[in-house]
C-alpha cells in the first residue's frame, strides 16, 4: 500500500470486491449452489463462477437478476 499507483488501483476495485463478497456470502448463507442460482436467474453456472472470481464484468441488469435470484434487492448508493 506504500506504492501510490498500487494503492489507487486497489481502492478503485474495492467496491467490486465488496459486492462479490456480499453475493457469495448471501448465496452460501442460503445454501444455494452456483448451479441453483443459475437456474433461478437464467444465467449460466460458468458465468456466475466468473463473476464470483472477479473474471467477469456484469451489467447492472445482471446484478439485479442475481439479487432477485437470492431473494434480495440491489441498491446502489453514491456518496
PDB file of N, CA and C in Angstrom:
ATOM      1  N   UNK A   1       0.815  -1.199   0.000  1.00  0.00           N
ATOM      2  CA  UNK A   1       0.000   0.000   0.000  1.00  0.00           C
ATOM      3  C   UNK A   1       0.860   1.266   0.000  1.00  0.00           C
ATOM      4  N   UNK A   2       2.153   1.089   0.099  1.00  0.00           N
ATOM      5  CA  UNK A   2       3.036   2.257   0.083  1.00  0.00           C
ATOM      6  C   UNK A   2       3.187   2.826  -1.317  1.00  0.00           C
ATOM      7  N   UNK A   3       3.044   1.978  -2.322  1.00  0.00           N
ATOM      8  CA  UNK A   3       3.139   2.418  -3.713  1.00  0.00           C
ATOM      9  C   UNK A   3       1.835   3.128  -4.082  1.00  0.00           C
ATOM     10  N   UNK A   4       1.880   4.428  -4.369  1.00  0.00           N
ATOM     11  CA  UNK A   4       0.659   5.185  -4.660  1.00  0.00           C
ATOM     12  C   UNK A   4      -0.132   4.624  -5.848  1.00  0.00           C
ATOM     13  N   UNK A   5       0.568   4.135  -6.832  1.00  0.00           N
ATOM     14  CA  UNK A   5      -0.078   3.554  -8.015  1.00  0.00           C
ATOM     15  C   UNK A   5      -0.881   2.308  -7.631  1.00  0.00           C
ATOM     16  N   UNK A   6      -0.268   1.429  -6.828  1.00  0.00           N
ATOM     17  CA  UNK A   6      -0.931   0.215  -6.370  1.00  0.00           C
ATOM     18  C   UNK A   6      -2.120   0.553  -5.481  1.00  0.00           C
ATOM     19  N   UNK A   7      -1.925   1.478  -4.560  1.00  0.00           N
ATOM     20  CA  UNK A   7      -2.988   1.871  -3.636  1.00  0.00           C
ATOM     21  C   UNK A   7      -4.192   2.414  -4.392  1.00  0.00           C
ATOM     22  N   UNK A   8      -3.947   3.228  -5.391  1.00  0.00           N
ATOM     23  CA  UNK A   8      -5.025   3.803  -6.188  1.00  0.00           C
ATOM     24  C   UNK A   8      -5.795   2.698  -6.914  1.00  0.00           C
ATOM     25  N   UNK A   9      -5.073   1.758  -7.490  1.00  0.00           N
ATOM     26  CA  UNK A   9      -5.691   0.642  -8.195  1.00  0.00           C
ATOM     27  C   UNK A   9      -6.506  -0.224  -7.235  1.00  0.00           C
ATOM     28  N   UNK A  10      -5.939  -0.514  -6.067  1.00  0.00           N
ATOM     29  CA  UNK A  10      -6.616  -1.332  -5.055  1.00  0.00           C
ATOM     30  C   UNK A  10      -7.919  -0.670  -4.611  1.00  0.00           C
ATOM     31  N   UNK A  11      -7.860   0.617  -4.302  1.00  0.00           N
ATOM     32  CA  UNK A  11      -9.032   1.333  -3.818  1.00  0.00           C
ATOM     33  C   UNK A  11     -10.104   1.453  -4.899  1.00  0.00           C
ATOM     34  N   UNK A  12      -9.696   1.559  -6.150  1.00  0.00           N
ATOM     35  CA  UNK A  12     -10.657   1.646  -7.249  1.00  0.00           C
ATOM     36  C   UNK A  12     -11.454   0.348  -7.375  1.00  0.00           C
ATOM     37  N   UNK A  13     -10.845  -0.785  -7.050  1.00  0.00           N
ATOM     38  CA  UNK A  13     -11.515  -2.070  -7.166  1.00  0.00           C
ATOM     39  C   UNK A  13     -12.279  -2.488  -5.929  1.00  0.00           C
ATOM     40  N   UNK A  14     -12.151  -1.775  -4.838  1.00  0.00           N
ATOM     41  CA  UNK A  14     -12.770  -2.159  -3.566  1.00  0.00           C
ATOM     42  C   UNK A  14     -14.287  -2.342  -3.650  1.00  0.00           C
ATOM     43  N   UNK A  15     -15.039  -1.442  -4.285  1.00  0.00           N
ATOM     44  CA  UNK A  15     -16.489  -1.666  -4.348  1.00  0.00           C
ATOM     45  C   UNK A  15     -16.859  -2.982  -5.040  1.00  0.00           C
ATOM     46  N   UNK A  16     -16.143  -3.324  -6.100  1.00  0.00           N
ATOM     47  CA  UNK A  16     -16.416  -4.572  -6.801  1.00  0.00           C
ATOM     48  C   UNK A  16     -16.131  -5.773  -5.905  1.00  0.00           C
ATOM     49  N   UNK A  17     -15.018  -5.728  -5.179  1.00  0.00           N
ATOM     50  CA  UNK A  17     -14.671  -6.825  -4.272  1.00  0.00           C
ATOM     51  C   UNK A  17     -15.737  -6.992  -3.190  1.00  0.00           C
ATOM     52  N   UNK A  18     -16.214  -5.889  -2.648  1.00  0.00           N
ATOM     53  CA  UNK A  18     -17.241  -5.945  -1.603  1.00  0.00           C
ATOM     54  C   UNK A  18     -18.543  -6.519  -2.150  1.00  0.00           C
ATOM     55  N   UNK A  19     -18.905  -6.123  -3.356  1.00  0.00           N
ATOM     56  CA  UNK A  19     -20.121  -6.638  -3.978  1.00  0.00           C
ATOM     57  C   UNK A  19     -20.019  -8.133  -4.214  1.00  0.00           C
ATOM     58  N   UNK A  20     -18.890  -8.583  -4.729  1.00  0.00           N
ATOM     59  CA  UNK A  20     -18.680 -10.012  -4.979  1.00  0.00           C
ATOM     60  C   UNK A  20     -18.741 -10.794  -3.668  1.00  0.00           C
ATOM     61  N   UNK A  21     -18.059 -10.291  -2.636  1.00  0.00           N
ATOM     62  CA  UNK A  21     -18.071 -10.978  -1.341  1.00  0.00           C
ATOM     63  C   UNK A  21     -19.492 -11.052  -0.778  1.00  0.00           C
ATOM     64  N   UNK A  22     -20.254  -9.987  -0.930  1.00  0.00           N
ATOM     65  CA  UNK A  22     -21.636  -9.975  -0.437  1.00  0.00           C
ATOM     66  C   UNK A  22     -22.489 -10.991  -1.178  1.00  0.00           C
ATOM     67  N   UNK A  23     -22.291 -11.077  -2.485  1.00  0.00           N
ATOM     68  CA  UNK A  23     -23.048 -12.015  -3.291  1.00  0.00           C
ATOM     69  C   UNK A  23     -22.734 -13.455  -2.883  1.00  0.00           C
ATOM     70  N   UNK A  24     -21.469 -13.753  -2.711  1.00  0.00           N
ATOM     71  CA  UNK A  24     -21.056 -15.100  -2.319  1.00  0.00           C
ATOM     72  C   UNK A  24     -21.604 -15.441  -0.930  1.00  0.00           C
ATOM     73  N   UNK A  25     -21.482 -14.507   0.017  1.00  0.00           N
ATOM     74  CA  UNK A  25     -21.986 -14.743   1.382  1.00  0.00           C
ATOM     75  C   UNK A  25     -23.481 -15.010   1.367  1.00  0.00           C
ATOM     76  N   UNK A  26     -24.228 -14.227   0.605  1.00  0.00           N
ATOM     77  CA  UNK A  26     -25.681 -14.402   0.545  1.00  0.00           C
ATOM     78  C   UNK A  26     -26.038 -15.761  -0.054  1.00  0.00           C
ATOM     79  N   UNK A  27     -25.331 -16.148  -1.103  1.00  0.00           N
ATOM     80  CA  UNK A  27     -25.603 -17.438  -1.742  1.00  0.00           C
ATOM     81  C   UNK A  27     -25.285 -18.584  -0.789  1.00  0.00           C
ATOM     82  N   UNK A  28     -24.137 -18.501  -0.138  1.00  0.00           N
ATOM     83  CA  UNK A  28     -23.738 -19.563   0.786  1.00  0.00           C
ATOM     84  C   UNK A  28     -24.635 -19.619   2.017  1.00  0.00           C
ATOM     85  N   UNK A  29     -25.068 -18.473   2.508  1.00  0.00           N
ATOM     86  CA  UNK A  29     -25.950 -18.431   3.682  1.00  0.00           C
ATOM     87  C   UNK A  29     -27.266 -19.143   3.393  1.00  0.00           C
ATOM     88  N   UNK A  30     -27.711 -19.061   2.138  1.00  0.00           N
ATOM     89  CA  UNK A  30     -28.958 -19.707   1.746  1.00  0.00           C
ATOM     90  C   UNK A  30     -28.726 -21.141   1.262  1.00  0.00           C
ATOM     91  N   UNK A  31     -27.487 -21.601   1.352  1.00  0.00           N
ATOM     92  CA  UNK A  31     -27.133 -22.948   0.893  1.00  0.00           C
ATOM     93  C   UNK A  31     -27.548 -23.184  -0.557  1.00  0.00           C
ATOM     94  N   UNK A  32     -27.301 -22.181  -1.403  1.00  0.00           N
ATOM     95  CA  UNK A  32     -27.614 -22.270  -2.827  1.00  0.00           C
ATOM     96  C   UNK A  32     -26.304 -22.445  -3.582  1.00  0.00           C
ATOM     97  N   UNK A  33     -26.254 -23.426  -4.442  1.00  0.00           N
ATOM     98  CA  UNK A  33     -25.062 -23.627  -5.263  1.00  0.00           C
ATOM     99  C   UNK A  33     -25.082 -22.645  -6.429  1.00  0.00           C
ATOM    100  N   UNK A  34     -23.948 -22.499  -7.072  1.00  0.00           N
ATOM    101  CA  UNK A  34     -23.907 -21.660  -8.269  1.00  0.00           C
ATOM    102  C   UNK A  34     -24.873 -22.184  -9.322  1.00  0.00           C
ATOM    103  N   UNK A  35     -24.961 -23.497  -9.438  1.00  0.00           N
ATOM    104  CA  UNK A  35     -25.865 -24.107 -10.417  1.00  0.00           C
ATOM    105  C   UNK A  35     -27.320 -23.765 -10.103  1.00  0.00           C
ATOM    106  N   UNK A  36     -27.685 -23.812  -8.822  1.00  0.00           N
ATOM    107  CA  UNK A  36     -29.055 -23.479  -8.426  1.00  0.00           C
ATOM    108  C   UNK A  36     -29.343 -22.001  -8.673  1.00  0.00           C
ATOM    109  N   UNK A  37     -28.383 -21.156  -8.378  1.00  0.00           N
ATOM    110  CA  UNK A  37     -28.555 -19.723  -8.626  1.00  0.00           C
ATOM    111  C   UNK A  37     -28.683 -19.467 -10.122  1.00  0.00           C
ATOM    112  N   UNK A  38     -27.921 -20.185 -10.905  1.00  0.00           N
ATOM    113  CA  UNK A  38     -28.009 -20.050 -12.366  1.00  0.00           C
ATOM    114  C   UNK A  38     -29.419 -20.383 -12.844  1.00  0.00           C
ATOM    115  N   UNK A  39     -29.994 -21.454 -12.318  1.00  0.00           N
ATOM    116  CA  UNK A  39     -31.345 -21.861 -12.709  1.00  0.00           C
ATOM    117  C   UNK A  39     -32.380 -20.793 -12.333  1.00  0.00           C
ATOM    118  N   UNK A  40     -32.171 -20.136 -11.191  1.00  0.00           N
ATOM    119  CA  UNK A  40     -33.105 -19.102 -10.737  1.00  0.00           C
ATOM    120  C   UNK A  40     -32.985 -17.814 -11.540  1.00  0.00           C
ATOM    121  N   UNK A  41     -31.811 -17.566 -12.108  1.00  0.00           N
ATOM    122  CA  UNK A  41     -31.556 -16.284 -12.765  1.00  0.00           C
ATOM    123  C   UNK A  41     -31.567 -16.349 -14.286  1.00  0.00           C
ATOM    124  N   UNK A  42     -31.450 -17.550 -14.826  1.00  0.00           N
ATOM    125  CA  UNK A  42     -31.346 -17.673 -16.277  1.00  0.00           C
ATOM    126  C   UNK A  42     -29.933 -17.457 -16.785  1.00  0.00           C
ATOM    127  N   UNK A  43     -28.992 -17.330 -15.868  1.00  0.00           N
ATOM    128  CA  UNK A  43     -27.584 -17.191 -16.231  1.00  0.00           C
ATOM    129  C   UNK A  43     -26.954 -18.579 -16.215  1.00  0.00           C
ATOM    130  N   UNK A  44     -25.757 -18.691 -16.732  1.00  0.00           N
ATOM    131  CA  UNK A  44     -25.079 -19.984 -16.670  1.00  0.00           C
ATOM    132  C   UNK A  44     -24.265 -20.075 -15.386  1.00  0.00           C
ATOM    133  N   UNK A  45     -24.032 -21.289 -14.935  1.00  0.00           N
ATOM    134  CA  UNK A  45     -23.206 -21.502 -13.750  1.00  0.00           C
ATOM    135  C   UNK A  45     -21.801 -20.984 -14.012  1.00  0.00           C
ATOM    136  N   UNK A  46     -21.322 -21.170 -15.232  1.00  0.00           N
ATOM    137  CA  UNK A  46     -19.982 -20.699 -15.588  1.00  0.00           C
ATOM    138  C   UNK A  46     -19.882 -19.188 -15.426  1.00  0.00           C
ATOM    139  N   UNK A  47     -20.914 -18.479 -15.865  1.00  0.00           N
ATOM    140  CA  UNK A  47     -20.885 -17.015 -15.768  1.00  0.00           C
ATOM    141  C   UNK A  47     -20.937 -16.573 -14.305  1.00  0.00           C
ATOM    142  N   UNK A  48     -21.760 -17.231 -13.504  1.00  0.00           N
ATOM    143  CA  UNK A  48     -21.815 -16.893 -12.078  1.00  0.00           C
ATOM    144  C   UNK A  48     -20.453 -17.143 -11.434  1.00  0.00           C
ATOM    145  N   UNK A  49     -19.818 -18.239 -11.792  1.00  0.00           N
ATOM    146  CA  UNK A  49     -18.483 -18.536 -11.276  1.00  0.00           C
ATOM    147  C   UNK A  49     -17.497 -17.438 -11.671  1.00  0.00           C
ATOM    148  N   UNK A  50     -17.568 -17.000 -12.913  1.00  0.00           N
ATOM    149  CA  UNK A  50     -16.663 -15.946 -13.384  1.00  0.00           C
ATOM    150  C   UNK A  50     -16.905 -14.640 -12.631  1.00  0.00           C
ATOM    151  N   UNK A  51     -18.158 -14.338 -12.339  1.00  0.00           N
ATOM    152  CA  UNK A  51     -18.468 -13.133 -11.557  1.00  0.00           C
ATOM    153  C   UNK A  51     -17.867 -13.259 -10.163  1.00  0.00           C
ATOM    154  N   UNK A  52     -18.067 -14.416  -9.540  1.00  0.00           N
ATOM    155  CA  UNK A  52     -17.590 -14.620  -8.171  1.00  0.00           C
ATOM    156  C   UNK A  52     -16.075 -14.618  -8.059  1.00  0.00           C
ATOM    157  N   UNK A  53     -15.379 -14.963  -9.118  1.00  0.00           N
ATOM    158  CA  UNK A  53     -13.913 -14.939  -9.080  1.00  0.00           C
ATOM    159  C   UNK A  53     -13.347 -13.618  -9.594  1.00  0.00           C
ATOM    160  N   UNK A  54     -14.228 -12.716 -10.017  1.00  0.00           N
ATOM    161  CA  UNK A  54     -13.780 -11.417 -10.500  1.00  0.00           C
ATOM    162  C   UNK A  54     -13.322 -11.434 -11.945  1.00  0.00           C
ATOM    163  N   UNK A  55     -13.634 -12.508 -12.662  1.00  0.00           N
ATOM    164  CA  UNK A  55     -13.206 -12.634 -14.056  1.00  0.00           C
ATOM    165  C   UNK A  55     -14.262 -12.164 -15.046  1.00  0.00           C
ATOM    166  N   UNK A  56     -15.352 -11.599 -14.563  1.00  0.00           N
ATOM    167  CA  UNK A  56     -16.408 -11.098 -15.443  1.00  0.00           C
ATOM    168  C   UNK A  56     -16.770  -9.684 -15.015  1.00  0.00           C
ATOM    169  N   UNK A  57     -17.337  -8.952 -15.915  1.00  0.00           N
ATOM    170  CA  UNK A  57     -17.755  -7.578 -15.648  1.00  0.00           C
ATOM    171  C   UNK A  57     -19.262  -7.488 -15.896  1.00  0.00           C
ATOM    172  N   UNK A  58     -20.069  -7.932 -14.918  1.00  0.00           N
ATOM    173  CA  UNK A  58     -21.517  -7.990 -15.132  1.00  0.00           C
ATOM    174  C   UNK A  58     -22.152  -6.607 -15.227  1.00  0.00           C
ATOM    175  N   UNK A  59     -23.246  -6.548 -15.959  1.00  0.00           N
ATOM    176  CA  UNK A  59     -24.014  -5.307 -16.057  1.00  0.00           C
ATOM    177  C   UNK A  59     -24.869  -5.147 -14.806  1.00  0.00           C
ATOM    178  N   UNK A  60     -25.422  -3.971 -14.638  1.00  0.00           N
ATOM    179  CA  UNK A  60     -26.338  -3.748 -13.517  1.00  0.00           C
ATOM    180  C   UNK A  60     -27.558  -4.655 -13.645  1.00  0.00           C
ATOM    181  N   UNK A  61     -28.010  -4.881 -14.854  1.00  0.00           N
ATOM    182  CA  UNK A  61     -29.158  -5.771 -15.067  1.00  0.00           C
ATOM    183  C   UNK A  61     -28.839  -7.185 -14.586  1.00  0.00           C
ATOM    184  N   UNK A  62     -27.629  -7.648 -14.862  1.00  0.00           N
ATOM    185  CA  UNK A  62     -27.211  -8.978 -14.417  1.00  0.00           C
ATOM    186  C   UNK A  62     -27.137  -9.034 -12.898  1.00  0.00           C
ATOM    187  N   UNK A  63     -26.586  -8.008 -12.280  1.00  0.00           N
ATOM    188  CA  UNK A  63     -26.509  -7.966 -10.824  1.00  0.00           C
ATOM    189  C   UNK A  63     -27.903  -7.939 -10.204  1.00  0.00           C
ATOM    190  N   UNK A  64     -28.814  -7.253 -10.863  1.00  0.00           N
ATOM    191  CA  UNK A  64     -30.199  -7.218 -10.385  1.00  0.00           C
ATOM    192  C   UNK A  64     -30.811  -8.615 -10.456  1.00  0.00           C
ATOM    193  N   UNK A  65     -30.573  -9.345 -11.543  1.00  0.00           N
ATOM    194  CA  UNK A  65     -31.076 -10.721 -11.672  1.00  0.00           C
ATOM    195  C   UNK A  65     -30.538 -11.607 -10.550  1.00  0.00           C
ATOM    196  N   UNK A  66     -29.252 -11.449 -10.266  1.00  0.00           N
ATOM    197  CA  UNK A  66     -28.634 -12.254  -9.212  1.00  0.00           C
ATOM    198  C   UNK A  66     -29.253 -11.918  -7.861  1.00  0.00           C
ATOM    199  N   UNK A  67     -29.405 -10.638  -7.574  1.00  0.00           N
ATOM    200  CA  UNK A  67     -30.024 -10.227  -6.309  1.00  0.00           C
ATOM    201  C   UNK A  67     -31.427 -10.809  -6.191  1.00  0.00           C
ATOM    202  N   UNK A  68     -32.211 -10.727  -7.261  1.00  0.00           N
ATOM    203  CA  UNK A  68     -33.563 -11.268  -7.235  1.00  0.00           C
ATOM    204  C   UNK A  68     -33.541 -12.786  -7.057  1.00  0.00           C
ATOM    205  N   UNK A  69     -32.578 -13.455  -7.691  1.00  0.00           N
ATOM    206  CA  UNK A  69     -32.435 -14.894  -7.538  1.00  0.00           C
ATOM    207  C   UNK A  69     -32.106 -15.292  -6.109  1.00  0.00           C
ATOM    208  N   UNK A  70     -31.503 -14.372  -5.378  1.00  0.00           N
ATOM    209  CA  UNK A  70     -31.175 -14.608  -3.977  1.00  0.00           C
ATOM    210  C   UNK A  70     -32.267 -14.084  -3.043  1.00  0.00           C
ATOM    211  N   UNK A  71     -33.364 -13.599  -3.639  1.00  0.00           N
ATOM    212  CA  UNK A  71     -34.457 -13.056  -2.830  1.00  0.00           C
ATOM    213  C   UNK A  71     -34.097 -11.723  -2.211  1.00  0.00           C
ATOM    214  N   UNK A  72     -33.239 -10.983  -2.893  1.00  0.00           N
ATOM    215  CA  UNK A  72     -32.757  -9.709  -2.370  1.00  0.00           C
ATOM    216  C   UNK A  72     -33.046  -8.599  -3.381  1.00  0.00           C
ATOM    217  N   UNK A  73     -32.727  -7.395  -2.987  1.00  0.00           N
ATOM    218  CA  UNK A  73     -32.906  -6.234  -3.846  1.00  0.00           C
ATOM    219  C   UNK A  73     -31.556  -5.540  -3.991  1.00  0.00           C
ATOM    220  N   UNK A  74     -31.202  -5.201  -5.210  1.00  0.00           N
ATOM    221  CA  UNK A  74     -29.954  -4.475  -5.461  1.00  0.00           C
ATOM    222  C   UNK A  74     -30.193  -2.998  -5.250  1.00  0.00           C
ATOM    223  N   UNK A  75     -29.399  -2.387  -4.375  1.00  0.00           N
ATOM    224  CA  UNK A  75     -29.498  -0.957  -4.126  1.00  0.00           C
ATOM    225  C   UNK A  75     -28.135  -0.336  -4.334  1.00  0.00           C
ATOM    226  N   UNK A  76     -28.091   0.764  -5.042  1.00  0.00           N
ATOM    227  CA  UNK A  76     -26.843   1.486  -5.272  1.00  0.00           C
ATOM    228  C   UNK A  76     -26.881   2.788  -4.494  1.00  0.00           C
ATOM    229  N   UNK A  77     -25.757   3.127  -3.937  1.00  0.00           N
ATOM    230  CA  UNK A  77     -25.669   4.362  -3.155  1.00  0.00           C
ATOM    231  C   UNK A  77     -24.430   5.113  -3.609  1.00  0.00           C
ATOM    232  N   UNK A  78     -24.615   6.334  -4.017  1.00  0.00           N
ATOM    233  CA  UNK A  78     -23.481   7.170  -4.427  1.00  0.00           C
ATOM    234  C   UNK A  78     -23.201   8.162  -3.312  1.00  0.00           C
ATOM    235  N   UNK A  79     -21.941   8.230  -2.928  1.00  0.00           N
ATOM    236  CA  UNK A  79     -21.580   9.190  -1.879  1.00  0.00           C
ATOM    237  C   UNK A  79     -20.502  10.117  -2.340  1.00  0.00           C
TER     238      UNK A  79
END
